[in-house]
Protein backbone atom coordinates (compact mmCIF):
# COMPACT_ATOMS: atom_id res chain seq x y z
CA MET A 1 -15.92 44.79 12.16
CA THR A 2 -16.15 40.87 10.75
CA THR A 3 -18.08 39.88 7.67
CA ARG A 4 -19.79 36.65 7.51
CA ALA A 5 -18.60 34.53 4.56
CA GLU A 6 -21.42 33.81 2.57
CA ASN A 7 -23.28 30.46 2.55
CA TRP A 8 -22.25 28.86 -0.36
CA PHE A 9 -18.81 28.55 0.97
CA GLU A 10 -19.46 27.44 4.40
CA GLN A 11 -21.46 24.87 3.11
CA LYS A 12 -18.66 23.75 0.70
CA TYR A 13 -16.43 24.22 3.58
CA ILE A 14 -17.98 21.91 5.74
CA ALA A 15 -18.73 19.54 3.13
CA GLY A 16 -14.73 19.26 2.61
CA VAL A 17 -14.12 18.97 6.38
CA LEU A 18 -16.80 15.97 7.05
CA HIS A 19 -15.59 14.14 3.90
CA LYS A 20 -12.00 13.91 5.42
CA LEU A 21 -13.37 13.40 9.07
CA GLN A 22 -15.50 10.17 7.52
CA HIS A 23 -12.36 9.13 5.34
CA GLU A 24 -9.14 10.03 7.39
CA GLY A 25 -10.37 10.91 11.21
CA PHE A 26 -12.71 9.52 14.02
CA ALA A 27 -11.18 5.95 13.84
CA MET A 28 -12.92 4.83 17.00
CA ARG A 29 -16.22 6.00 16.18
CA PRO A 30 -17.54 2.53 14.77
CA ALA A 31 -16.64 0.93 18.01
CA LEU A 32 -18.47 2.97 20.55
CA ASN A 33 -22.41 2.49 21.57
CA SER A 34 -24.24 5.82 20.26
CA THR A 35 -27.46 4.66 21.55
CA GLY A 36 -27.81 7.11 24.47
CA THR A 37 -29.91 10.05 24.24
CA ILE A 38 -29.63 13.87 25.13
CA LYS A 39 -31.58 15.64 27.59
CA GLY A 40 -30.69 19.20 28.43
CA LYS A 41 -26.72 19.04 29.03
CA LYS A 42 -26.02 15.46 29.75
CA ALA A 43 -26.11 12.11 27.70
CA ILE A 44 -28.02 9.24 28.71
CA TRP A 45 -27.56 5.45 28.36
CA LYS A 46 -30.27 3.19 29.82
CA ILE A 47 -28.40 -0.13 31.34
CA ALA A 48 -30.14 -3.52 31.87
CA GLY A 49 -28.83 -5.93 34.46
CA THR A 50 -28.60 -9.65 33.69
CA GLY A 51 -31.64 -12.03 34.64
CA VAL A 52 -31.71 -15.44 36.04
CA ALA A 53 -34.18 -17.81 34.69
CA THR A 54 -35.76 -19.79 37.21
CA GLU A 55 -37.73 -23.53 37.29
CA MET A 56 -41.64 -23.02 36.95
CA ALA A 57 -43.68 -24.26 40.07
CA PRO A 58 -45.60 -27.51 39.19
CA GLY A 59 -49.06 -25.67 40.40
CA ILE A 60 -50.40 -22.65 39.87
CA THR A 61 -48.71 -20.07 42.18
CA GLU A 62 -47.05 -16.50 42.28
CA VAL A 63 -44.22 -16.47 39.38
CA THR A 64 -40.78 -15.57 40.26
CA VAL A 65 -39.85 -12.29 38.52
CA MET A 66 -35.90 -12.21 37.62
CA ASN A 67 -36.11 -8.36 39.36
CA ALA A 68 -32.91 -7.34 36.59
CA ASP A 69 -31.32 -4.28 37.61
CA ARG A 70 -32.37 -1.24 35.41
CA THR A 71 -30.47 1.39 35.84
CA THR A 72 -28.65 4.65 33.70
CA VAL A 73 -25.46 5.91 33.32
CA GLU A 74 -24.82 9.88 32.30
CA VAL A 75 -22.30 12.44 31.65
CA ASP A 76 -22.20 15.78 31.03
CA LEU A 77 -21.85 17.15 27.02
CA LYS A 78 -18.74 19.11 26.22
CA ASP A 79 -17.94 21.02 23.40
CA TYR A 80 -14.49 21.05 21.83
CA GLU A 81 -13.09 23.89 18.78
CA ALA A 82 -10.43 23.61 16.13
CA ASN A 83 -9.85 27.07 14.46
CA ASP A 84 -7.53 27.96 11.70
CA TRP A 85 -7.11 31.17 9.69
CA ILE A 86 -7.10 31.21 5.86
CA ARG A 87 -4.90 34.17 4.96
CA VAL A 88 -6.72 35.61 1.67
CA THR A 89 -8.61 38.80 0.88
CA ASP A 90 -11.39 37.66 -0.83
CA VAL A 91 -13.16 34.11 -0.74
CA HIS A 92 -14.13 34.25 -4.39
CA LYS A 93 -10.40 34.27 -5.29
CA MET A 94 -9.49 31.65 -2.61
CA PRO A 95 -7.82 28.56 -4.05
CA GLU A 96 -9.02 25.30 -3.94
CA ASN A 97 -5.77 24.31 -2.17
CA GLU A 98 -5.90 26.39 0.30
CA GLN A 99 -9.23 25.70 1.39
CA GLN A 100 -8.24 21.73 1.25
CA VAL A 101 -5.38 22.57 3.30
CA SER A 102 -7.41 24.20 6.37
CA GLN A 103 -10.30 21.45 5.71
CA LYS A 104 -7.97 18.59 6.61
CA THR A 105 -6.40 20.52 9.43
CA ALA A 106 -9.54 20.79 11.36
CA ALA A 107 -10.64 17.31 10.05
CA MET A 108 -7.58 16.01 11.75
CA ALA A 109 -7.32 18.26 14.91
CA LEU A 110 -11.31 17.30 15.76
CA GLY A 111 -10.67 13.44 14.55
CA ARG A 112 -7.64 12.87 16.88
CA LYS A 113 -9.36 14.75 19.78
CA PHE A 114 -12.65 12.46 19.36
CA ASP A 115 -10.43 9.39 19.41
CA ARG A 116 -8.69 10.79 22.60
CA LEU A 117 -11.33 11.64 24.51
CA ALA A 118 -12.48 8.01 24.08
CA ILE A 119 -9.40 6.88 25.66
CA ALA A 120 -9.44 9.27 28.01
CA ALA A 121 -12.96 8.15 29.08
CA MET A 122 -11.37 4.81 29.78
CA ASP A 123 -8.18 6.24 31.47
CA ALA A 124 -10.47 8.18 33.81
CA GLU A 125 -12.20 4.96 35.38
CA GLY A 126 -8.44 3.90 37.09
CA GLY A 127 -8.92 0.80 38.99
CA ALA A 128 -12.58 0.46 38.35
CA ILE A 129 -10.88 -1.33 34.95
CA GLU A 130 -9.13 -4.69 35.37
CA THR A 131 -5.35 -4.09 34.10
CA ILE A 132 -3.93 -6.82 32.28
CA GLY A 133 0.08 -7.09 32.37
CA THR A 134 2.53 -5.07 34.53
CA GLY A 135 4.11 -2.96 32.06
CA ALA A 136 7.15 -5.14 32.47
CA ALA A 137 6.90 -7.51 29.02
CA ALA A 138 6.12 -7.49 25.58
CA ILE A 139 2.56 -8.22 24.95
CA SER A 140 1.73 -11.31 24.03
CA ILE A 141 -1.23 -13.60 22.43
CA THR A 142 -1.91 -14.83 25.88
CA ASP A 143 -2.62 -11.77 27.10
CA ILE A 144 -5.36 -11.13 24.34
CA LEU A 145 -7.31 -14.55 25.37
CA THR A 146 -6.59 -13.46 29.25
CA ALA A 147 -8.48 -10.04 28.37
CA GLN A 148 -11.09 -11.56 25.71
CA GLY A 149 -12.14 -14.33 28.27
CA ALA A 150 -12.08 -12.12 31.54
CA ILE A 151 -14.92 -9.53 29.49
CA ALA A 152 -16.75 -12.61 28.20
CA ASN A 153 -17.68 -13.45 31.82
CA VAL A 154 -19.41 -10.21 32.26
CA GLY A 155 -22.35 -11.80 30.41
CA GLY A 156 -24.74 -9.92 28.10
CA GLY A 157 -23.82 -7.09 25.41
CA SER A 158 -23.60 -7.62 21.69
CA TYR A 159 -19.92 -8.71 22.05
CA GLU A 160 -18.21 -6.78 19.25
CA TYR A 161 -15.22 -6.53 20.78
CA PHE A 162 -12.82 -3.92 19.78
CA CYS A 163 -9.28 -3.31 20.84
CA ALA A 164 -7.21 -0.17 20.56
CA LEU A 165 -3.73 -0.47 20.57
CA PRO A 166 -0.16 1.67 20.05
CA ASN A 167 1.53 1.01 16.82
CA VAL A 168 4.57 -0.68 18.92
CA LEU A 169 2.03 -3.29 20.75
CA MET A 170 0.55 -4.21 17.32
CA GLN A 171 3.54 -4.84 15.54
CA GLN A 172 4.84 -7.36 18.37
CA LEU A 173 1.43 -9.12 17.83
CA GLU A 174 1.73 -9.26 14.03
CA LEU A 175 4.76 -11.37 14.77
CA TYR A 176 2.73 -14.24 16.05
CA ARG A 177 1.56 -16.65 12.91
CA GLU A 178 -1.95 -16.99 13.92
CA PHE A 179 -2.43 -13.50 14.31
CA SER A 180 -0.83 -12.08 11.13
CA SER A 181 -2.74 -14.83 9.29
CA SER A 182 -6.03 -13.18 10.57
CA GLU A 183 -7.91 -11.11 8.31
CA TRP A 184 -7.45 -7.62 7.56
CA VAL A 185 -10.93 -5.65 8.61
CA GLY A 186 -13.35 -5.13 5.70
CA ALA A 187 -15.46 -2.56 3.55
CA GLU A 188 -17.77 -1.94 6.36
CA TYR A 189 -15.01 -0.08 8.23
CA PRO A 190 -13.23 1.80 5.36
CA LEU A 191 -11.22 4.18 7.81
CA LEU A 192 -10.33 1.03 9.95
CA LYS A 193 -9.45 -1.07 6.78
CA GLN A 194 -7.17 1.94 5.83
CA ILE A 195 -5.16 2.21 8.91
CA GLY A 196 -4.43 -1.69 8.62
CA ALA A 197 -6.82 -2.94 11.68
CA ARG A 198 -7.00 -6.68 11.64
CA ARG A 199 -10.02 -8.75 13.11
CA TRP A 200 -8.63 -12.21 15.16
CA ARG A 201 -11.08 -14.20 17.25
CA GLY A 202 -13.94 -11.74 16.59
CA ILE A 203 -11.88 -8.69 18.06
CA THR A 204 -11.05 -5.98 15.88
CA PHE A 205 -7.65 -4.65 16.72
CA MET A 206 -7.05 -0.80 15.74
CA PRO A 207 -3.40 0.21 15.67
CA LEU A 208 -3.43 4.05 16.39
CA PRO A 209 -0.33 6.32 16.72
CA ASN A 210 1.29 7.42 20.12
CA PRO A 211 3.20 10.40 19.50
CA SER A 212 5.34 11.79 22.45
CA THR A 213 4.14 15.70 21.54
CA ASP A 214 0.30 14.84 21.45
CA PRO A 215 0.07 11.24 23.21
CA LEU A 216 -3.22 9.51 22.49
CA PHE A 217 -2.48 6.27 24.87
CA ALA A 218 -1.61 6.85 28.63
CA VAL A 219 2.13 6.15 29.74
CA PRO A 220 1.85 5.09 33.39
CA ALA A 221 5.59 4.97 33.74
CA ALA A 222 8.94 5.14 31.64
CA ASN A 223 8.86 2.53 28.87
CA GLN A 224 5.21 1.56 29.23
CA VAL A 225 2.22 2.15 27.45
CA ASP A 226 -1.54 1.31 27.77
CA GLY A 227 -4.16 -0.07 25.56
CA TYR A 228 -7.67 -1.18 25.72
CA MET A 229 -10.23 -3.81 25.01
CA TRP A 230 -13.81 -3.33 25.34
CA VAL A 231 -17.19 -4.69 23.84
CA LYS A 232 -19.01 -1.67 21.76
CA ASP A 233 -22.35 -1.73 23.79
CA TYR A 234 -19.91 -0.81 26.95
CA VAL A 235 -18.44 2.43 25.98
CA GLY A 236 -20.45 5.22 24.85
CA PHE A 237 -20.44 8.12 22.84
CA VAL A 238 -23.53 10.67 21.96
CA PRO A 239 -22.91 13.76 19.65
CA ASN A 240 -24.42 17.07 20.55
CA TYR A 241 -23.82 18.25 17.17
CA GLU A 242 -21.04 16.45 14.75
CA MET A 243 -19.73 19.72 13.10
CA ASP A 244 -20.53 23.07 13.14
CA THR A 245 -18.53 25.66 11.28
CA ARG A 246 -19.02 29.65 11.02
CA ILE A 247 -16.34 31.83 8.81
CA ASP A 248 -15.86 35.37 9.26
CA TYR A 249 -13.54 37.63 7.51
CA VAL A 250 -11.49 39.46 9.94
CA PRO A 251 -10.00 43.05 8.35
CA THR A 252 -7.39 43.59 11.07
CA LYS A 253 -6.00 40.05 10.22
CA LYS A 254 -6.89 40.41 6.25
CA ALA A 255 -7.85 36.68 6.88
CA TRP A 256 -10.74 34.35 6.90
CA LEU A 257 -11.42 33.19 10.40
CA ALA A 258 -12.64 29.36 10.12
CA ALA A 259 -14.09 28.76 13.70
CA ASN A 260 -14.99 24.65 13.48
CA THR A 261 -16.75 23.14 16.94
CA MET A 262 -17.79 19.60 17.69
CA GLY A 263 -19.85 18.95 20.79
CA GLY A 264 -20.47 15.48 22.33
CA ALA A 265 -19.55 12.72 25.20
CA HIS A 266 -17.76 9.81 25.92
CA LYS A 267 -18.41 7.91 28.94
CA VAL A 268 -17.70 3.92 29.89
CA LEU A 269 -20.94 2.31 30.54
CA LEU A 270 -19.76 -0.72 31.90
CA PRO A 271 -16.22 -0.86 33.44
CA GLU A 272 -16.21 -4.93 33.65
CA GLY A 273 -16.52 -4.74 30.15
CA VAL A 274 -13.19 -3.08 29.54
CA LYS A 275 -9.59 -4.65 29.83
CA ARG A 276 -6.44 -2.18 30.31
CA LEU A 277 -3.63 -3.67 28.56
CA ARG A 278 -0.12 -2.36 30.30
CA PHE A 279 2.71 -3.72 28.33
CA ALA A 280 6.73 -2.46 27.70
CA SER A 281 7.09 -0.06 24.81
CA ASN A 282 10.83 -0.52 24.68
CA VAL A 283 11.15 -4.34 24.08
CA ALA A 284 12.69 -5.13 21.08
CA LEU A 285 10.39 -7.14 18.62
CA THR A 286 11.20 -10.67 18.83
CA ARG A 287 9.26 -13.40 16.71
CA PRO A 288 7.99 -16.17 19.19
CA THR A 289 8.67 -19.72 18.85
CA PRO A 290 5.90 -21.58 17.05
């Protein structure tokens, strides 16, 4: 028979996990549209189409209406978990460092899952998202301008651009003089500032790891890797609940089980507002000629 941990400890544990999530995880959270609503088991976003203004008739006549589309995008909510054993026999004697280890383990697992789900939502669109690059060459400033220009032609939206790249692609861009002299992300995005994000031409570039054992970005073929550029309005995330924890003592294990869960949904709202960046991952870093 399990025994529920005292409320004060659960609250302390949750506070610690959330603190680490806000400062060390959920890197892509500020880059996503969270204006959707929840109805039952679904997250729903309302999409307004583009209107076209027309010349006004000189006399009294019926007005011309734009008939801009009004559509919705919806996706099922899902739940995710990150559980951990805390191997102690008495919660009152639990050393602080043991709590911190468990909190960080849970926070990092949930944070990585959040970012992976955002990228996976874009991967799932397949050919609906235009791909810039073939995967045969290194990424360049020209490719970034091409992707941004294609998104700009969609029209509408806040035009708050974000670009998530594996570190190897970000490192190549850093060798361009105009890019390396751009601004670092400021205090408005503390986590992005911490991971070395840059802002160039209104685009916030987020360098993210892509370990082979637990990849964040897709590897479409050998020595290739995908990144993405998008406008914030066009990729959505709605949390059902951001963090829930239950801690129980399990006598047969002589340990406390911290069961951590989060719920939400990620969805590409307008594929035209997202561009896939596919470039070589094995090309030696080369400084371009100014």
